[in-house]
Amino acid sequence: MNIKPLGDRVVLKNVEAEETTKSGIVLPGTAKEKPQMAEVVAVGPGGMVDGKEVKMEVSLGQKVIYSKYAGTDVKLDKEEYIIVRQSDILAVIE
């Protein structure tokens, strides 16, 4: 199954990265809060949204930082995704 976002929506998949402290202790994903960095896996077509023309500025494969409490969590085929509006994406990581 594929997720096809509508309008100005973007589907993100969290980047699971283990962090290591300065002393060398590895913090597992469960010991820290949810990351705000994700990879773009699908992008909506943009167009007219709420009476305004929206041009999509993100593309597949980009790593982005999104708002902490943004979006809707979705679980599909044992994978977890987040669907957010493009305006909830704060930055693209290059």
N, C-alpha and C. Protein backbone atom coordinates (compact mmCIF):
# COMPACT_ATOMS: atom_id res chain seq x y z
N MET A 1 0.83 -1.18 0.00
CA MET A 1 0.00 0.00 0.00
C MET A 1 0.87 1.25 0.00
N ASN A 2 0.43 2.25 -0.72
CA ASN A 2 1.14 3.52 -0.76
C ASN A 2 0.26 4.61 -0.17
N ILE A 3 0.90 5.63 0.39
CA ILE A 3 0.18 6.80 0.89
C ILE A 3 0.37 7.91 -0.13
N LYS A 4 -0.73 8.47 -0.60
CA LYS A 4 -0.67 9.58 -1.55
C LYS A 4 -1.31 10.80 -0.89
N PRO A 5 -0.49 11.76 -0.45
CA PRO A 5 -1.04 12.93 0.24
C PRO A 5 -1.78 13.85 -0.73
N LEU A 6 -2.75 14.56 -0.20
CA LEU A 6 -3.54 15.50 -0.98
C LEU A 6 -3.17 16.93 -0.62
N GLY A 7 -3.42 17.85 -1.54
CA GLY A 7 -3.20 19.28 -1.28
C GLY A 7 -1.76 19.58 -0.89
N ASP A 8 -1.60 20.29 0.22
CA ASP A 8 -0.26 20.71 0.66
C ASP A 8 0.31 19.77 1.72
N ARG A 9 -0.15 18.54 1.76
CA ARG A 9 0.32 17.57 2.76
C ARG A 9 1.61 16.89 2.31
N VAL A 10 2.41 16.50 3.30
CA VAL A 10 3.67 15.81 3.07
C VAL A 10 3.72 14.62 4.02
N VAL A 11 4.14 13.45 3.53
CA VAL A 11 4.28 12.26 4.36
C VAL A 11 5.75 12.14 4.75
N LEU A 12 6.00 12.02 6.05
CA LEU A 12 7.35 11.93 6.59
C LEU A 12 7.56 10.61 7.31
N LYS A 13 8.80 10.15 7.30
CA LYS A 13 9.18 8.97 8.08
C LYS A 13 10.31 9.41 9.00
N ASN A 14 10.11 9.20 10.31
CA ASN A 14 11.12 9.63 11.28
C ASN A 14 12.47 8.97 11.01
N VAL A 15 13.51 9.75 11.21
CA VAL A 15 14.87 9.24 11.10
C VAL A 15 15.25 8.74 12.48
N GLU A 16 15.42 7.43 12.61
CA GLU A 16 15.79 6.85 13.91
C GLU A 16 17.31 6.86 14.03
N ALA A 17 17.80 7.74 14.86
CA ALA A 17 19.24 7.85 15.06
C ALA A 17 19.56 7.67 16.54
N GLU A 18 20.46 6.76 16.83
CA GLU A 18 20.88 6.61 18.22
C GLU A 18 21.86 7.72 18.54
N GLU A 19 21.75 8.23 19.72
CA GLU A 19 22.67 9.28 20.16
C GLU A 19 23.67 8.69 21.13
N THR A 20 24.88 9.18 21.05
CA THR A 20 25.93 8.75 21.98
C THR A 20 26.34 9.97 22.79
N THR A 21 26.40 9.81 24.10
CA THR A 21 26.82 10.91 24.97
C THR A 21 28.32 11.10 24.84
N LYS A 22 28.83 12.19 25.41
CA LYS A 22 30.26 12.46 25.35
C LYS A 22 31.07 11.38 26.04
N SER A 23 30.47 10.70 27.03
CA SER A 23 31.19 9.64 27.73
C SER A 23 31.07 8.28 27.02
N GLY A 24 30.35 8.24 25.89
CA GLY A 24 30.27 7.01 25.11
C GLY A 24 29.05 6.16 25.38
N ILE A 25 28.10 6.64 26.17
CA ILE A 25 26.88 5.87 26.46
C ILE A 25 25.90 6.07 25.31
N VAL A 26 25.40 4.97 24.74
CA VAL A 26 24.45 5.04 23.65
C VAL A 26 23.04 5.12 24.23
N LEU A 27 22.29 6.15 23.83
CA LEU A 27 20.91 6.32 24.28
C LEU A 27 19.99 5.69 23.24
N PRO A 28 19.22 4.68 23.61
CA PRO A 28 18.29 4.09 22.64
C PRO A 28 17.14 5.04 22.36
N GLY A 29 16.40 4.77 21.28
CA GLY A 29 15.29 5.64 20.87
C GLY A 29 14.23 5.79 21.92
N THR A 30 14.05 4.82 22.80
CA THR A 30 12.99 4.90 23.80
C THR A 30 13.37 5.79 24.97
N ALA A 31 14.62 6.13 25.12
CA ALA A 31 15.07 6.92 26.27
C ALA A 31 15.04 8.42 26.02
N LYS A 32 14.71 8.82 24.81
CA LYS A 32 14.67 10.24 24.51
C LYS A 32 13.33 10.58 23.86
N GLU A 33 13.05 11.87 23.75
CA GLU A 33 11.77 12.25 23.16
C GLU A 33 11.79 12.06 21.65
N LYS A 34 10.62 12.07 21.07
CA LYS A 34 10.42 11.84 19.65
C LYS A 34 11.25 12.83 18.83
N PRO A 35 11.99 12.34 17.84
CA PRO A 35 12.81 13.26 17.03
C PRO A 35 11.93 14.14 16.15
N GLN A 36 12.44 15.29 15.81
CA GLN A 36 11.72 16.21 14.95
C GLN A 36 12.34 16.23 13.56
N MET A 37 13.23 15.29 13.28
CA MET A 37 13.87 15.19 11.99
C MET A 37 13.31 13.98 11.27
N ALA A 38 12.97 14.14 10.00
CA ALA A 38 12.35 13.06 9.25
C ALA A 38 12.75 13.15 7.78
N GLU A 39 12.47 12.06 7.07
CA GLU A 39 12.72 12.01 5.63
C GLU A 39 11.39 12.09 4.90
N VAL A 40 11.36 12.85 3.81
CA VAL A 40 10.14 13.00 3.01
C VAL A 40 9.97 11.75 2.15
N VAL A 41 8.80 11.08 2.28
CA VAL A 41 8.54 9.88 1.49
C VAL A 41 7.42 10.09 0.46
N ALA A 42 6.63 11.14 0.58
CA ALA A 42 5.60 11.46 -0.41
C ALA A 42 5.22 12.93 -0.27
N VAL A 43 4.91 13.57 -1.40
CA VAL A 43 4.57 14.99 -1.41
C VAL A 43 3.27 15.17 -2.19
N GLY A 44 2.36 15.96 -1.63
CA GLY A 44 1.10 16.26 -2.31
C GLY A 44 1.33 17.16 -3.51
N PRO A 45 0.29 17.36 -4.32
CA PRO A 45 0.43 18.15 -5.55
C PRO A 45 0.44 19.66 -5.34
N GLY A 46 0.07 20.14 -4.17
CA GLY A 46 -0.02 21.59 -3.96
C GLY A 46 -1.29 22.11 -4.58
N GLY A 47 -1.21 23.26 -5.26
CA GLY A 47 -2.40 23.83 -5.90
C GLY A 47 -3.13 24.78 -4.98
N MET A 48 -4.44 24.91 -5.17
CA MET A 48 -5.26 25.81 -4.36
C MET A 48 -5.63 25.14 -3.04
N VAL A 49 -5.16 25.72 -1.93
CA VAL A 49 -5.46 25.21 -0.60
C VAL A 49 -5.96 26.38 0.23
N ASP A 50 -7.17 26.27 0.75
CA ASP A 50 -7.79 27.33 1.55
C ASP A 50 -7.81 28.67 0.81
N GLY A 51 -8.05 28.63 -0.50
CA GLY A 51 -8.14 29.84 -1.30
C GLY A 51 -6.82 30.48 -1.67
N LYS A 52 -5.71 29.81 -1.39
CA LYS A 52 -4.38 30.34 -1.71
C LYS A 52 -3.63 29.33 -2.57
N GLU A 53 -2.82 29.84 -3.49
CA GLU A 53 -2.00 28.98 -4.33
C GLU A 53 -0.80 28.50 -3.51
N VAL A 54 -0.60 27.18 -3.43
CA VAL A 54 0.50 26.62 -2.67
C VAL A 54 1.45 25.89 -3.62
N LYS A 55 2.71 26.31 -3.59
CA LYS A 55 3.75 25.65 -4.39
C LYS A 55 4.54 24.75 -3.45
N MET A 56 4.68 23.48 -3.80
CA MET A 56 5.40 22.54 -2.94
C MET A 56 6.90 22.81 -3.05
N GLU A 57 7.55 22.98 -1.90
CA GLU A 57 8.97 23.33 -1.87
C GLU A 57 9.85 22.20 -1.39
N VAL A 58 9.26 21.07 -0.99
CA VAL A 58 10.04 19.91 -0.57
C VAL A 58 9.89 18.82 -1.62
N SER A 59 10.86 17.90 -1.64
CA SER A 59 10.80 16.81 -2.61
C SER A 59 11.19 15.50 -1.93
N LEU A 60 10.92 14.41 -2.61
CA LEU A 60 11.20 13.08 -2.07
C LEU A 60 12.66 12.92 -1.66
N GLY A 61 12.88 12.28 -0.54
CA GLY A 61 14.23 11.98 -0.08
C GLY A 61 14.89 13.06 0.76
N GLN A 62 14.33 14.27 0.79
CA GLN A 62 14.94 15.33 1.59
C GLN A 62 14.74 15.05 3.07
N LYS A 63 15.72 15.45 3.86
CA LYS A 63 15.59 15.37 5.32
C LYS A 63 15.14 16.74 5.80
N VAL A 64 14.12 16.74 6.66
CA VAL A 64 13.53 17.99 7.12
C VAL A 64 13.35 17.99 8.63
N ILE A 65 13.17 19.19 9.17
CA ILE A 65 12.83 19.37 10.58
C ILE A 65 11.41 19.94 10.60
N TYR A 66 10.54 19.31 11.41
CA TYR A 66 9.14 19.74 11.46
C TYR A 66 8.76 20.15 12.87
N SER A 67 7.64 20.86 13.00
CA SER A 67 7.16 21.33 14.29
C SER A 67 6.91 20.18 15.24
N LYS A 68 7.17 20.41 16.50
CA LYS A 68 7.12 19.35 17.51
C LYS A 68 5.76 18.66 17.62
N TYR A 69 4.68 19.39 17.62
CA TYR A 69 3.36 18.80 17.81
C TYR A 69 2.54 18.79 16.52
N ALA A 70 3.20 18.81 15.39
CA ALA A 70 2.51 18.88 14.10
C ALA A 70 2.15 17.49 13.58
N GLY A 71 1.14 17.46 12.76
CA GLY A 71 0.84 16.28 11.98
C GLY A 71 0.00 15.21 12.64
N THR A 72 -0.24 14.17 11.86
CA THR A 72 -1.02 13.02 12.28
C THR A 72 -0.17 11.78 12.11
N ASP A 73 -0.05 10.99 13.17
CA ASP A 73 0.72 9.75 13.10
C ASP A 73 -0.13 8.67 12.45
N VAL A 74 0.49 7.93 11.52
CA VAL A 74 -0.21 6.86 10.80
C VAL A 74 0.70 5.64 10.78
N LYS A 75 0.10 4.46 11.03
CA LYS A 75 0.86 3.22 10.95
C LYS A 75 0.31 2.41 9.79
N LEU A 76 1.18 2.05 8.83
CA LEU A 76 0.76 1.34 7.63
C LEU A 76 1.81 0.29 7.30
N ASP A 77 1.41 -0.96 7.20
CA ASP A 77 2.32 -2.06 6.90
C ASP A 77 3.51 -2.10 7.87
N LYS A 78 3.23 -1.95 9.16
CA LYS A 78 4.21 -1.99 10.24
C LYS A 78 5.25 -0.86 10.18
N GLU A 79 4.99 0.15 9.38
CA GLU A 79 5.85 1.34 9.31
C GLU A 79 5.06 2.51 9.88
N GLU A 80 5.75 3.42 10.56
CA GLU A 80 5.09 4.59 11.13
C GLU A 80 5.44 5.83 10.31
N TYR A 81 4.41 6.59 9.96
CA TYR A 81 4.57 7.80 9.17
C TYR A 81 3.89 8.96 9.89
N ILE A 82 4.25 10.18 9.48
CA ILE A 82 3.62 11.39 9.99
C ILE A 82 3.17 12.19 8.77
N ILE A 83 1.90 12.58 8.75
CA ILE A 83 1.39 13.41 7.66
C ILE A 83 1.25 14.83 8.20
N VAL A 84 1.97 15.77 7.57
CA VAL A 84 1.97 17.17 8.02
C VAL A 84 1.65 18.08 6.84
N ARG A 85 1.24 19.30 7.16
CA ARG A 85 1.11 20.33 6.13
C ARG A 85 2.52 20.83 5.82
N GLN A 86 2.71 21.29 4.60
CA GLN A 86 4.03 21.82 4.24
C GLN A 86 4.42 22.99 5.16
N SER A 87 3.45 23.76 5.63
CA SER A 87 3.75 24.90 6.51
C SER A 87 4.27 24.45 7.87
N ASP A 88 4.07 23.17 8.25
CA ASP A 88 4.60 22.65 9.52
C ASP A 88 6.07 22.24 9.41
N ILE A 89 6.60 22.23 8.19
CA ILE A 89 8.01 21.91 8.00
C ILE A 89 8.81 23.19 8.19
N LEU A 90 9.76 23.15 9.11
CA LEU A 90 10.51 24.35 9.48
C LEU A 90 11.76 24.56 8.65
N ALA A 91 12.43 23.46 8.26
CA ALA A 91 13.70 23.60 7.55
C ALA A 91 14.03 22.32 6.79
N VAL A 92 14.85 22.48 5.76
CA VAL A 92 15.39 21.34 5.01
C VAL A 92 16.85 21.19 5.39
N ILE A 93 17.27 19.98 5.69
CA ILE A 93 18.65 19.73 6.08
C ILE A 93 19.45 19.35 4.84
N GLU A 94 20.53 20.07 4.59
CA GLU A 94 21.37 19.79 3.42
C GLU A 94 22.71 19.26 3.82
